[in-house]
């Protein structure tokens, strides 16, 4: 396999950052236009009538979670800031950070999430499964390797999760993320992430 030099890796990282920023800007622009056209604001009808802590007042939310990654094996920190178009569709940036003793990975992506809201009835209505996918890049650094020990490359991910609504504003959940590195990044073509426990705050 052709090894990417450090200077080439830095250039690829810079180009990937520009690409990710452009994708994020485009998604936010679409979200703003969509919101203006539909004049959508969350209310208790759109959120299934749940008013435990009052409905959110903006379409933004913040999600943070912890877990682990496999191959490379790291402790996982995961943060996402999605913009909700409605109760079913959201988009926004997500960043996975994997931390190990002598290695780390950083994987920012622009993600689209489809939520299965109101699939269940009664108390089960608080459970919301979701599917998501995104594109971005990954930087992997592994000081345990000989020779080149850092590389950056294109990333495509997809995943599935299950959330439980404690209130209209607070949600807990877990999800699995499948990360594909089509070009190979530091000889890695795939890694798996499990966000064992996550919390989402709807603003």
N, C-alpha and C. Protein backbone atom coordinates (compact mmCIF):
# COMPACT_ATOMS: atom_id res chain seq x y z
N UNK A 1 0.84 -1.20 0.00
CA UNK A 1 0.00 0.00 0.00
C UNK A 1 0.88 1.25 0.00
N UNK A 2 0.49 2.25 -0.74
CA UNK A 2 1.24 3.49 -0.80
C UNK A 2 1.10 4.23 0.52
N UNK A 3 2.23 4.54 1.15
CA UNK A 3 2.21 5.22 2.44
C UNK A 3 2.11 6.72 2.25
N UNK A 4 1.20 7.34 2.92
CA UNK A 4 1.04 8.79 2.87
C UNK A 4 2.08 9.44 3.77
N UNK A 5 2.87 10.36 3.23
CA UNK A 5 3.87 11.04 4.04
C UNK A 5 3.20 12.00 5.00
N UNK A 6 3.97 12.51 5.99
CA UNK A 6 3.40 13.40 7.00
C UNK A 6 2.89 14.69 6.37
N UNK A 7 3.65 15.27 5.41
CA UNK A 7 3.19 16.51 4.78
C UNK A 7 1.95 16.26 3.95
N UNK A 8 1.92 15.12 3.24
CA UNK A 8 0.73 14.80 2.46
C UNK A 8 -0.46 14.55 3.37
N UNK A 9 -0.19 13.91 4.52
CA UNK A 9 -1.26 13.66 5.49
C UNK A 9 -1.82 14.97 6.02
N UNK A 10 -0.94 15.94 6.29
CA UNK A 10 -1.40 17.24 6.78
C UNK A 10 -2.25 17.94 5.72
N UNK A 11 -1.83 17.83 4.45
CA UNK A 11 -2.60 18.44 3.37
C UNK A 11 -3.96 17.78 3.25
N UNK A 12 -3.98 16.44 3.33
CA UNK A 12 -5.24 15.72 3.26
C UNK A 12 -6.15 16.09 4.41
N UNK A 13 -5.58 16.25 5.60
CA UNK A 13 -6.37 16.65 6.76
C UNK A 13 -6.98 18.03 6.55
N UNK A 14 -6.19 18.98 6.02
CA UNK A 14 -6.70 20.33 5.77
C UNK A 14 -7.82 20.30 4.74
N UNK A 15 -7.63 19.53 3.66
CA UNK A 15 -8.67 19.44 2.63
C UNK A 15 -9.94 18.79 3.18
N UNK A 16 -9.75 17.78 4.03
CA UNK A 16 -10.91 17.11 4.63
C UNK A 16 -11.67 18.05 5.55
N UNK A 17 -10.92 18.90 6.29
CA UNK A 17 -11.58 19.88 7.16
C UNK A 17 -12.41 20.85 6.35
N UNK A 18 -11.87 21.30 5.21
CA UNK A 18 -12.61 22.20 4.33
C UNK A 18 -13.86 21.52 3.81
N UNK A 19 -13.72 20.24 3.39
CA UNK A 19 -14.86 19.49 2.89
C UNK A 19 -15.93 19.33 3.96
N UNK A 20 -15.50 18.93 5.17
CA UNK A 20 -16.47 18.75 6.25
C UNK A 20 -17.17 20.06 6.61
N UNK A 21 -16.42 21.16 6.61
CA UNK A 21 -17.01 22.48 6.90
C UNK A 21 -18.03 22.86 5.84
N UNK A 22 -17.69 22.57 4.58
CA UNK A 22 -18.62 22.88 3.49
C UNK A 22 -19.89 22.07 3.60
N UNK A 23 -19.73 20.76 3.93
CA UNK A 23 -20.91 19.91 4.08
C UNK A 23 -21.78 20.38 5.23
N UNK A 24 -21.13 20.75 6.33
CA UNK A 24 -21.89 21.23 7.49
C UNK A 24 -22.60 22.53 7.16
N UNK A 25 -21.90 23.46 6.49
CA UNK A 25 -22.53 24.72 6.11
C UNK A 25 -23.72 24.52 5.20
N UNK A 26 -23.56 23.58 4.25
CA UNK A 26 -24.67 23.31 3.33
C UNK A 26 -25.86 22.72 4.07
N UNK A 27 -25.58 21.78 4.99
CA UNK A 27 -26.69 21.16 5.72
C UNK A 27 -27.42 22.17 6.60
N UNK A 28 -26.67 23.09 7.21
CA UNK A 28 -27.30 24.11 8.05
C UNK A 28 -28.11 25.09 7.21
N UNK A 29 -27.59 25.40 6.01
CA UNK A 29 -28.33 26.30 5.12
C UNK A 29 -29.65 25.66 4.69
N UNK A 30 -29.58 24.37 4.36
CA UNK A 30 -30.80 23.66 3.99
C UNK A 30 -31.78 23.64 5.15
N UNK A 31 -31.23 23.38 6.36
CA UNK A 31 -32.09 23.34 7.55
C UNK A 31 -32.76 24.68 7.77
N UNK A 32 -32.02 25.78 7.59
CA UNK A 32 -32.59 27.11 7.80
C UNK A 32 -33.68 27.40 6.78
N UNK A 33 -33.40 27.06 5.50
CA UNK A 33 -34.39 27.29 4.46
C UNK A 33 -35.64 26.46 4.71
N UNK A 34 -35.45 25.19 5.10
CA UNK A 34 -36.57 24.31 5.35
C UNK A 34 -37.41 24.85 6.50
N UNK A 35 -36.71 25.27 7.56
CA UNK A 35 -37.42 25.80 8.72
C UNK A 35 -38.21 27.05 8.39
N UNK A 36 -37.64 27.93 7.52
CA UNK A 36 -38.33 29.15 7.15
C UNK A 36 -39.54 28.87 6.28
N UNK A 37 -39.40 27.88 5.37
CA UNK A 37 -40.50 27.57 4.48
C UNK A 37 -41.66 26.95 5.22
N UNK A 38 -41.32 26.01 6.14
CA UNK A 38 -42.38 25.29 6.84
C UNK A 38 -42.79 25.97 8.14
N UNK A 39 -41.97 26.92 8.61
CA UNK A 39 -42.21 27.60 9.87
C UNK A 39 -42.43 26.58 10.99
N UNK A 40 -41.57 25.55 11.00
CA UNK A 40 -41.72 24.47 11.98
C UNK A 40 -41.11 24.87 13.30
N UNK A 41 -41.87 24.67 14.35
CA UNK A 41 -41.37 24.82 15.71
C UNK A 41 -41.91 23.65 16.53
N UNK A 42 -41.09 23.06 17.37
CA UNK A 42 -41.58 21.94 18.18
C UNK A 42 -42.73 22.38 19.08
N UNK A 43 -43.73 21.54 19.19
CA UNK A 43 -44.81 21.76 20.14
C UNK A 43 -45.28 20.41 20.65
N UNK A 44 -46.19 20.42 21.60
CA UNK A 44 -46.53 19.17 22.26
C UNK A 44 -47.23 18.21 21.32
N UNK A 45 -47.91 18.68 20.27
CA UNK A 45 -48.54 17.78 19.32
C UNK A 45 -47.48 17.06 18.48
N UNK A 46 -46.47 17.81 18.00
CA UNK A 46 -45.42 17.21 17.18
C UNK A 46 -44.52 16.30 18.00
N UNK A 47 -44.48 16.47 19.30
CA UNK A 47 -43.63 15.65 20.15
C UNK A 47 -44.44 14.60 20.91
N UNK A 48 -45.59 14.22 20.36
CA UNK A 48 -46.35 13.13 20.93
C UNK A 48 -47.09 13.47 22.20
N UNK A 49 -47.28 14.77 22.48
CA UNK A 49 -48.03 15.16 23.65
C UNK A 49 -47.28 15.06 24.96
N UNK A 50 -45.96 14.79 24.90
CA UNK A 50 -45.19 14.66 26.13
C UNK A 50 -44.80 16.03 26.63
N UNK A 51 -45.23 16.41 27.81
CA UNK A 51 -44.99 17.75 28.32
C UNK A 51 -44.39 17.72 29.73
N UNK A 52 -43.64 16.65 30.02
CA UNK A 52 -43.11 16.48 31.37
C UNK A 52 -42.30 17.68 31.82
N UNK A 53 -41.41 18.18 30.93
CA UNK A 53 -40.57 19.32 31.29
C UNK A 53 -40.78 20.49 30.35
N UNK A 54 -41.87 20.49 29.63
CA UNK A 54 -42.12 21.54 28.66
C UNK A 54 -41.43 21.23 27.34
N UNK A 55 -42.08 21.56 26.23
CA UNK A 55 -41.51 21.26 24.92
C UNK A 55 -40.28 22.11 24.64
N UNK A 56 -39.37 21.64 23.78
CA UNK A 56 -38.21 22.44 23.39
C UNK A 56 -38.66 23.71 22.69
N UNK A 57 -37.85 24.74 22.77
CA UNK A 57 -38.20 26.02 22.14
C UNK A 57 -37.40 26.28 20.88
N UNK A 58 -36.38 25.47 20.60
CA UNK A 58 -35.62 25.59 19.36
C UNK A 58 -35.45 24.20 18.77
N UNK A 59 -35.10 24.11 17.49
CA UNK A 59 -34.89 22.79 16.87
C UNK A 59 -33.51 22.21 17.11
N UNK A 60 -32.67 22.87 17.91
CA UNK A 60 -31.32 22.39 18.18
C UNK A 60 -31.28 21.48 19.39
N UNK A 61 -30.34 20.55 19.39
CA UNK A 61 -30.11 19.71 20.56
C UNK A 61 -28.62 19.37 20.65
N UNK A 62 -28.21 18.87 21.80
CA UNK A 62 -26.82 18.47 22.04
C UNK A 62 -26.83 17.06 22.60
N UNK A 63 -26.04 16.19 21.97
CA UNK A 63 -25.95 14.81 22.45
C UNK A 63 -24.49 14.50 22.76
N UNK A 64 -24.25 13.83 23.88
CA UNK A 64 -22.91 13.40 24.26
C UNK A 64 -22.99 11.99 24.82
N UNK A 65 -21.99 11.17 24.51
CA UNK A 65 -22.01 9.80 24.99
C UNK A 65 -20.62 9.23 25.15
N UNK A 66 -20.54 8.10 25.84
CA UNK A 66 -19.28 7.40 26.06
C UNK A 66 -19.45 5.94 25.69
N UNK A 67 -18.33 5.31 25.35
CA UNK A 67 -18.36 3.90 24.99
C UNK A 67 -16.98 3.44 24.60
N UNK A 68 -16.88 2.68 23.52
CA UNK A 68 -15.58 2.20 23.08
C UNK A 68 -15.58 1.97 21.57
N UNK A 69 -14.39 1.90 21.00
CA UNK A 69 -14.23 1.53 19.59
C UNK A 69 -13.46 0.22 19.54
N UNK A 70 -13.62 -0.48 18.41
CA UNK A 70 -12.93 -1.75 18.20
C UNK A 70 -12.14 -1.69 16.91
N UNK A 71 -10.84 -2.03 17.00
CA UNK A 71 -9.91 -2.09 15.87
C UNK A 71 -9.84 -0.77 15.11
N UNK A 72 -9.23 0.27 15.68
CA UNK A 72 -8.45 0.24 16.92
C UNK A 72 -9.33 0.24 18.17
N UNK A 73 -8.78 -0.32 19.24
CA UNK A 73 -9.50 -0.43 20.51
C UNK A 73 -9.23 0.81 21.34
N UNK A 74 -10.26 1.63 21.55
CA UNK A 74 -10.10 2.89 22.27
C UNK A 74 -11.32 3.15 23.14
N UNK A 75 -11.14 4.01 24.13
CA UNK A 75 -12.27 4.60 24.86
C UNK A 75 -12.90 5.65 23.96
N UNK A 76 -14.23 5.68 23.87
CA UNK A 76 -14.94 6.56 22.94
C UNK A 76 -15.63 7.71 23.64
N UNK A 77 -15.42 8.91 23.13
CA UNK A 77 -16.23 10.08 23.46
C UNK A 77 -16.93 10.49 22.17
N UNK A 78 -18.23 10.69 22.24
CA UNK A 78 -18.99 11.02 21.04
C UNK A 78 -19.88 12.23 21.31
N UNK A 79 -19.81 13.22 20.43
CA UNK A 79 -20.60 14.45 20.60
C UNK A 79 -21.29 14.77 19.27
N UNK A 80 -22.55 15.17 19.37
CA UNK A 80 -23.33 15.52 18.18
C UNK A 80 -24.19 16.73 18.47
N UNK A 81 -24.36 17.61 17.47
CA UNK A 81 -25.21 18.79 17.60
C UNK A 81 -26.21 18.78 16.43
N UNK A 82 -27.29 18.03 16.55
CA UNK A 82 -28.24 17.93 15.44
C UNK A 82 -29.28 19.07 15.42
N UNK A 83 -29.71 19.39 14.22
CA UNK A 83 -30.79 20.34 13.98
C UNK A 83 -32.00 19.53 13.54
N UNK A 84 -33.11 19.61 14.27
CA UNK A 84 -34.31 18.84 13.97
C UNK A 84 -35.18 19.59 12.98
N UNK A 85 -35.34 19.01 11.78
CA UNK A 85 -36.27 19.58 10.81
C UNK A 85 -37.71 19.39 11.27
N UNK A 86 -37.99 18.22 11.81
CA UNK A 86 -39.28 17.89 12.41
C UNK A 86 -39.03 16.74 13.38
N UNK A 87 -40.07 16.02 13.80
CA UNK A 87 -39.87 14.97 14.79
C UNK A 87 -39.21 13.73 14.20
N UNK A 88 -39.08 13.66 12.87
CA UNK A 88 -38.53 12.47 12.23
C UNK A 88 -37.12 12.66 11.66
N UNK A 89 -36.77 13.85 11.23
CA UNK A 89 -35.52 14.07 10.49
C UNK A 89 -34.66 15.13 11.18
N UNK A 90 -33.36 14.83 11.32
CA UNK A 90 -32.41 15.78 11.89
C UNK A 90 -31.08 15.63 11.16
N UNK A 91 -30.28 16.69 11.17
CA UNK A 91 -28.96 16.66 10.55
C UNK A 91 -28.02 17.58 11.32
N UNK A 92 -26.74 17.24 11.31
CA UNK A 92 -25.77 18.08 12.00
C UNK A 92 -24.44 17.39 12.16
N UNK A 93 -23.47 18.08 12.74
CA UNK A 93 -22.14 17.52 12.91
C UNK A 93 -22.06 16.53 14.07
N UNK A 94 -21.25 15.50 13.88
CA UNK A 94 -20.95 14.55 14.94
C UNK A 94 -19.45 14.30 14.93
N UNK A 95 -18.85 14.16 16.10
CA UNK A 95 -17.42 13.86 16.17
C UNK A 95 -17.18 12.72 17.14
N UNK A 96 -16.49 11.69 16.67
CA UNK A 96 -16.08 10.58 17.51
C UNK A 96 -14.61 10.77 17.87
N UNK A 97 -14.30 10.65 19.14
CA UNK A 97 -12.92 10.74 19.60
C UNK A 97 -12.59 9.45 20.34
N UNK A 98 -11.62 8.71 19.82
CA UNK A 98 -11.19 7.47 20.45
C UNK A 98 -9.83 7.65 21.09
N UNK A 99 -9.73 7.32 22.37
CA UNK A 99 -8.50 7.56 23.12
C UNK A 99 -7.94 6.25 23.66
N UNK A 100 -6.67 5.98 23.33
CA UNK A 100 -5.98 4.80 23.85
C UNK A 100 -4.67 5.21 24.49
N UNK A 101 -3.91 4.23 24.99
CA UNK A 101 -2.64 4.52 25.66
C UNK A 101 -1.65 5.21 24.72
N UNK A 102 -1.45 4.63 23.55
CA UNK A 102 -0.48 5.17 22.60
C UNK A 102 -1.11 5.44 21.24
N UNK A 103 -2.40 5.62 21.21
CA UNK A 103 -3.07 5.86 19.94
C UNK A 103 -4.35 6.67 20.18
N UNK A 104 -4.80 7.30 19.12
CA UNK A 104 -6.07 8.01 19.18
C UNK A 104 -6.65 8.09 17.79
N UNK A 105 -7.93 8.37 17.72
CA UNK A 105 -8.57 8.65 16.44
C UNK A 105 -9.57 9.78 16.65
N UNK A 106 -9.72 10.59 15.61
CA UNK A 106 -10.69 11.67 15.58
C UNK A 106 -11.47 11.53 14.29
N UNK A 107 -12.79 11.47 14.38
CA UNK A 107 -13.61 11.22 13.21
C UNK A 107 -14.83 12.15 13.18
N UNK A 108 -14.69 13.35 12.62
CA UNK A 108 -15.85 14.24 12.46
C UNK A 108 -16.63 13.93 11.19
N UNK A 109 -17.94 13.98 11.28
CA UNK A 109 -18.79 13.73 10.12
C UNK A 109 -20.00 14.67 10.14
N UNK A 110 -20.62 14.82 8.98
CA UNK A 110 -21.92 15.49 8.86
C UNK A 110 -22.95 14.38 8.71
N UNK A 111 -23.89 14.29 9.67
CA UNK A 111 -24.79 13.14 9.75
C UNK A 111 -26.25 13.52 9.52
N UNK A 112 -26.99 12.58 8.94
CA UNK A 112 -28.44 12.67 8.77
C UNK A 112 -29.07 11.56 9.59
N UNK A 113 -30.06 11.90 10.42
CA UNK A 113 -30.71 10.93 11.31
C UNK A 113 -32.20 10.85 11.04
N UNK A 114 -32.70 9.63 10.91
CA UNK A 114 -34.14 9.38 10.76
C UNK A 114 -34.63 8.70 12.04
N UNK A 115 -35.60 9.31 12.71
CA UNK A 115 -36.10 8.80 13.99
C UNK A 115 -37.49 8.19 13.82
N UNK A 116 -37.70 7.04 14.41
CA UNK A 116 -39.00 6.38 14.38
C UNK A 116 -39.88 6.86 15.52
N UNK A 117 -40.27 8.14 15.47
CA UNK A 117 -41.11 8.71 16.53
C UNK A 117 -42.53 8.15 16.44
N UNK A 118 -43.15 7.97 17.60
CA UNK A 118 -44.55 7.53 17.68
C UNK A 118 -44.79 6.16 17.04
N UNK A 119 -43.78 5.28 17.07
CA UNK A 119 -43.97 3.93 16.55
C UNK A 119 -44.72 3.05 17.54
N UNK A 120 -44.62 3.39 18.83
CA UNK A 120 -45.22 2.58 19.87
C UNK A 120 -46.30 3.37 20.59
N UNK A 121 -47.08 2.68 21.41
CA UNK A 121 -48.15 3.32 22.17
C UNK A 121 -47.93 3.12 23.65
N UNK A 122 -48.64 3.94 24.45
CA UNK A 122 -48.54 3.84 25.89
C UNK A 122 -47.16 4.24 26.38
N UNK A 123 -46.69 3.57 27.44
CA UNK A 123 -45.37 3.88 27.99
C UNK A 123 -44.26 3.57 26.98
N UNK A 124 -44.49 2.61 26.10
CA UNK A 124 -43.50 2.26 25.08
C UNK A 124 -43.28 3.39 24.08
N UNK A 125 -44.21 4.37 24.05
CA UNK A 125 -44.07 5.49 23.12
C UNK A 125 -42.83 6.33 23.43
N UNK A 126 -42.29 6.16 24.63
CA UNK A 126 -41.08 6.91 24.98
C UNK A 126 -39.82 6.34 24.32
N UNK A 127 -39.92 5.12 23.77
CA UNK A 127 -38.78 4.53 23.06
C UNK A 127 -38.81 4.98 21.60
N UNK A 128 -37.67 5.47 21.12
CA UNK A 128 -37.56 5.93 19.74
C UNK A 128 -36.32 5.33 19.08
N UNK A 129 -36.51 4.36 18.17
CA UNK A 129 -35.36 3.85 17.41
C UNK A 129 -34.94 4.87 16.36
N UNK A 130 -33.70 4.82 15.95
CA UNK A 130 -33.24 5.75 14.92
C UNK A 130 -32.16 5.10 14.06
N UNK A 131 -32.09 5.58 12.83
CA UNK A 131 -31.06 5.19 11.87
C UNK A 131 -30.33 6.45 11.44
N UNK A 132 -29.03 6.35 11.20
CA UNK A 132 -28.29 7.54 10.79
C UNK A 132 -27.13 7.14 9.88
N UNK A 133 -26.66 8.13 9.11
CA UNK A 133 -25.52 7.92 8.22
C UNK A 133 -24.83 9.25 8.02
N UNK A 134 -23.53 9.22 7.72
CA UNK A 134 -22.79 10.46 7.54
C UNK A 134 -21.53 10.28 6.73
N UNK A 135 -20.94 11.39 6.35
CA UNK A 135 -19.66 11.38 5.64
C UNK A 135 -18.74 12.41 6.29
N UNK A 136 -17.46 12.14 6.23
CA UNK A 136 -16.48 13.05 6.81
C UNK A 136 -15.09 12.50 6.62
N UNK A 137 -14.28 12.52 7.66
CA UNK A 137 -12.93 12.00 7.57
C UNK A 137 -12.50 11.49 8.93
N UNK A 138 -11.42 10.73 8.93
CA UNK A 138 -10.86 10.19 10.17
C UNK A 138 -9.36 10.43 10.19
N UNK A 139 -8.85 10.79 11.36
CA UNK A 139 -7.41 10.88 11.60
C UNK A 139 -7.08 9.80 12.63
N UNK A 140 -6.15 8.93 12.29
CA UNK A 140 -5.73 7.87 13.20
C UNK A 140 -4.24 8.05 13.50
N UNK A 141 -3.90 8.03 14.76
CA UNK A 141 -2.50 8.14 15.21
C UNK A 141 -2.21 6.93 16.08
N UNK A 142 -1.17 6.19 15.71
CA UNK A 142 -0.82 4.98 16.46
C UNK A 142 0.69 4.94 16.65
N UNK A 143 1.14 5.32 17.84
CA UNK A 143 2.57 5.36 18.13
C UNK A 143 3.15 3.98 18.39
N UNK A 144 2.28 2.94 18.44
CA UNK A 144 2.77 1.59 18.62
C UNK A 144 3.35 1.03 17.32
N UNK A 145 3.03 1.67 16.20
CA UNK A 145 3.51 1.21 14.90
C UNK A 145 4.93 1.71 14.64
N UNK A 146 5.65 0.97 13.82
CA UNK A 146 6.93 1.46 13.34
C UNK A 146 6.70 2.29 12.09
N UNK A 147 7.63 3.18 11.76
CA UNK A 147 7.50 4.00 10.57
C UNK A 147 6.42 5.05 10.74
N UNK A 148 5.68 5.30 9.65
CA UNK A 148 4.61 6.30 9.70
C UNK A 148 3.56 5.85 10.71
N UNK A 149 3.16 6.76 11.59
CA UNK A 149 2.19 6.38 12.62
C UNK A 149 0.97 7.27 12.66
N UNK A 150 0.81 8.15 11.63
CA UNK A 150 -0.41 8.97 11.57
C UNK A 150 -0.87 9.05 10.14
N UNK A 151 -2.19 9.00 9.96
CA UNK A 151 -2.76 9.05 8.61
C UNK A 151 -4.17 9.64 8.72
N UNK A 152 -4.64 10.19 7.62
CA UNK A 152 -6.00 10.74 7.55
C UNK A 152 -6.66 10.26 6.27
N UNK A 153 -7.96 10.05 6.32
CA UNK A 153 -8.65 9.57 5.13
C UNK A 153 -10.14 9.79 5.19
N UNK A 154 -10.79 9.56 4.07
CA UNK A 154 -12.24 9.72 3.92
C UNK A 154 -12.97 8.68 4.76
N UNK A 155 -14.10 9.09 5.34
CA UNK A 155 -14.89 8.22 6.22
C UNK A 155 -16.36 8.26 5.84
N UNK A 156 -16.99 7.10 5.82
CA UNK A 156 -18.44 6.97 5.66
C UNK A 156 -18.93 6.14 6.84
N UNK A 157 -19.96 6.63 7.53
CA UNK A 157 -20.47 5.83 8.64
C UNK A 157 -21.97 5.63 8.54
N UNK A 158 -22.45 4.64 9.26
CA UNK A 158 -23.87 4.34 9.36
C UNK A 158 -24.10 3.70 10.71
N UNK A 159 -25.31 3.86 11.24
CA UNK A 159 -25.55 3.29 12.55
C UNK A 159 -27.01 3.17 12.91
N UNK A 160 -27.23 2.59 14.07
CA UNK A 160 -28.58 2.38 14.58
C UNK A 160 -28.55 2.64 16.08
N UNK A 161 -29.63 3.19 16.60
CA UNK A 161 -29.69 3.49 18.02
C UNK A 161 -31.09 3.36 18.57
N UNK A 162 -31.18 3.40 19.88
CA UNK A 162 -32.47 3.38 20.57
C UNK A 162 -32.42 4.39 21.70
N UNK A 163 -33.36 5.33 21.70
CA UNK A 163 -33.43 6.38 22.72
C UNK A 163 -34.67 6.20 23.58
N UNK A 164 -34.56 6.69 24.81
CA UNK A 164 -35.71 6.71 25.72
C UNK A 164 -35.91 8.12 26.22
N UNK A 165 -37.11 8.68 26.01
CA UNK A 165 -37.41 10.06 26.38
C UNK A 165 -37.81 10.15 27.84
N UNK A 166 -36.93 10.74 28.65
CA UNK A 166 -37.26 11.00 30.04
C UNK A 166 -38.24 12.17 30.13
N UNK A 167 -38.09 13.13 29.23
CA UNK A 167 -38.99 14.28 29.12
C UNK A 167 -38.85 14.81 27.71
N UNK A 168 -39.57 15.89 27.39
CA UNK A 168 -39.46 16.49 26.07
C UNK A 168 -38.05 17.04 25.82
N UNK A 169 -37.37 17.39 26.89
CA UNK A 169 -36.04 18.00 26.75
C UNK A 169 -34.88 17.03 26.98
N UNK A 170 -35.10 15.93 27.68
CA UNK A 170 -33.99 15.06 28.06
C UNK A 170 -34.23 13.63 27.60
N UNK A 171 -33.21 13.07 26.91
CA UNK A 171 -33.29 11.73 26.35
C UNK A 171 -32.02 10.97 26.66
N UNK A 172 -32.16 9.69 26.98
CA UNK A 172 -31.00 8.83 27.14
C UNK A 172 -31.08 7.72 26.09
N UNK A 173 -29.94 7.13 25.76
CA UNK A 173 -29.97 6.09 24.76
C UNK A 173 -28.63 5.45 24.52
N UNK A 174 -28.60 4.55 23.55
CA UNK A 174 -27.39 3.85 23.17
C UNK A 174 -27.44 3.64 21.66
N UNK A 175 -26.25 3.59 21.04
CA UNK A 175 -26.23 3.34 19.60
C UNK A 175 -24.90 2.74 19.15
N UNK A 176 -24.98 2.06 18.00
CA UNK A 176 -23.83 1.43 17.39
C UNK A 176 -23.51 2.14 16.09
N UNK A 177 -22.22 2.35 15.83
CA UNK A 177 -21.78 3.09 14.65
C UNK A 177 -20.78 2.24 13.88
N UNK A 178 -21.03 2.07 12.59
CA UNK A 178 -20.16 1.30 11.71
C UNK A 178 -19.41 2.28 10.80
N UNK A 179 -18.10 2.33 10.93
CA UNK A 179 -17.27 3.33 10.27
C UNK A 179 -16.43 2.68 9.17
N UNK A 180 -16.60 3.15 7.94
CA UNK A 180 -15.89 2.60 6.80
C UNK A 180 -14.86 3.62 6.29
N UNK A 181 -13.66 3.16 6.03
CA UNK A 181 -12.56 3.98 5.52
C UNK A 181 -12.18 3.45 4.14
N UNK A 182 -12.87 3.89 3.08
CA UNK A 182 -12.72 3.28 1.75
C UNK A 182 -11.29 3.28 1.23
N UNK A 183 -10.52 4.34 1.50
CA UNK A 183 -9.16 4.41 0.97
C UNK A 183 -8.12 3.76 1.87
N UNK A 184 -8.52 3.31 3.03
CA UNK A 184 -7.56 2.78 3.99
C UNK A 184 -6.85 3.91 4.70
N UNK A 185 -6.95 3.96 6.00
CA UNK A 185 -6.29 4.99 6.81
C UNK A 185 -5.40 4.30 7.84
N UNK A 186 -4.10 4.43 7.69
CA UNK A 186 -3.13 3.73 8.53
C UNK A 186 -3.41 2.23 8.51
N UNK A 187 -3.68 1.72 7.30
CA UNK A 187 -3.99 0.31 7.05
C UNK A 187 -5.34 -0.13 7.61
N UNK A 188 -6.12 0.80 8.16
CA UNK A 188 -7.45 0.46 8.66
C UNK A 188 -8.48 0.76 7.59
N UNK A 189 -9.41 -0.16 7.37
CA UNK A 189 -10.50 0.07 6.42
C UNK A 189 -11.87 0.09 7.11
N UNK A 190 -11.90 -0.25 8.40
CA UNK A 190 -13.17 -0.28 9.13
C UNK A 190 -12.88 -0.23 10.63
N UNK A 191 -13.72 0.48 11.37
CA UNK A 191 -13.71 0.33 12.83
C UNK A 191 -15.13 0.50 13.34
N UNK A 192 -15.40 -0.15 14.46
CA UNK A 192 -16.73 -0.20 15.05
C UNK A 192 -16.76 0.63 16.33
N UNK A 193 -17.82 1.40 16.50
CA UNK A 193 -17.98 2.19 17.72
C UNK A 193 -19.31 1.82 18.39
N UNK A 194 -19.27 1.68 19.70
CA UNK A 194 -20.50 1.48 20.48
C UNK A 194 -20.58 2.58 21.52
N UNK A 195 -21.51 3.49 21.31
CA UNK A 195 -21.82 4.50 22.33
C UNK A 195 -22.73 3.82 23.33
N UNK A 196 -22.14 3.33 24.41
CA UNK A 196 -22.89 2.52 25.38
C UNK A 196 -23.97 3.35 26.05
N UNK A 197 -23.64 4.58 26.44
CA UNK A 197 -24.62 5.44 27.12
C UNK A 197 -24.49 6.87 26.57
N UNK A 198 -25.61 7.42 26.16
CA UNK A 198 -25.63 8.78 25.64
C UNK A 198 -26.77 9.59 26.23
N UNK A 199 -26.58 10.90 26.29
CA UNK A 199 -27.61 11.81 26.80
C UNK A 199 -27.82 12.91 25.76
N UNK A 200 -29.07 13.21 25.46
CA UNK A 200 -29.40 14.28 24.54
C UNK A 200 -30.25 15.34 25.22
N UNK A 201 -29.86 16.59 25.07
CA UNK A 201 -30.61 17.71 25.62
C UNK A 201 -31.21 18.51 24.48
N UNK A 202 -32.54 18.62 24.46
CA UNK A 202 -33.24 19.43 23.46
C UNK A 202 -33.43 20.84 24.00
N UNK A 203 -32.98 21.82 23.25
CA UNK A 203 -33.05 23.21 23.73
C UNK A 203 -34.43 23.82 23.47
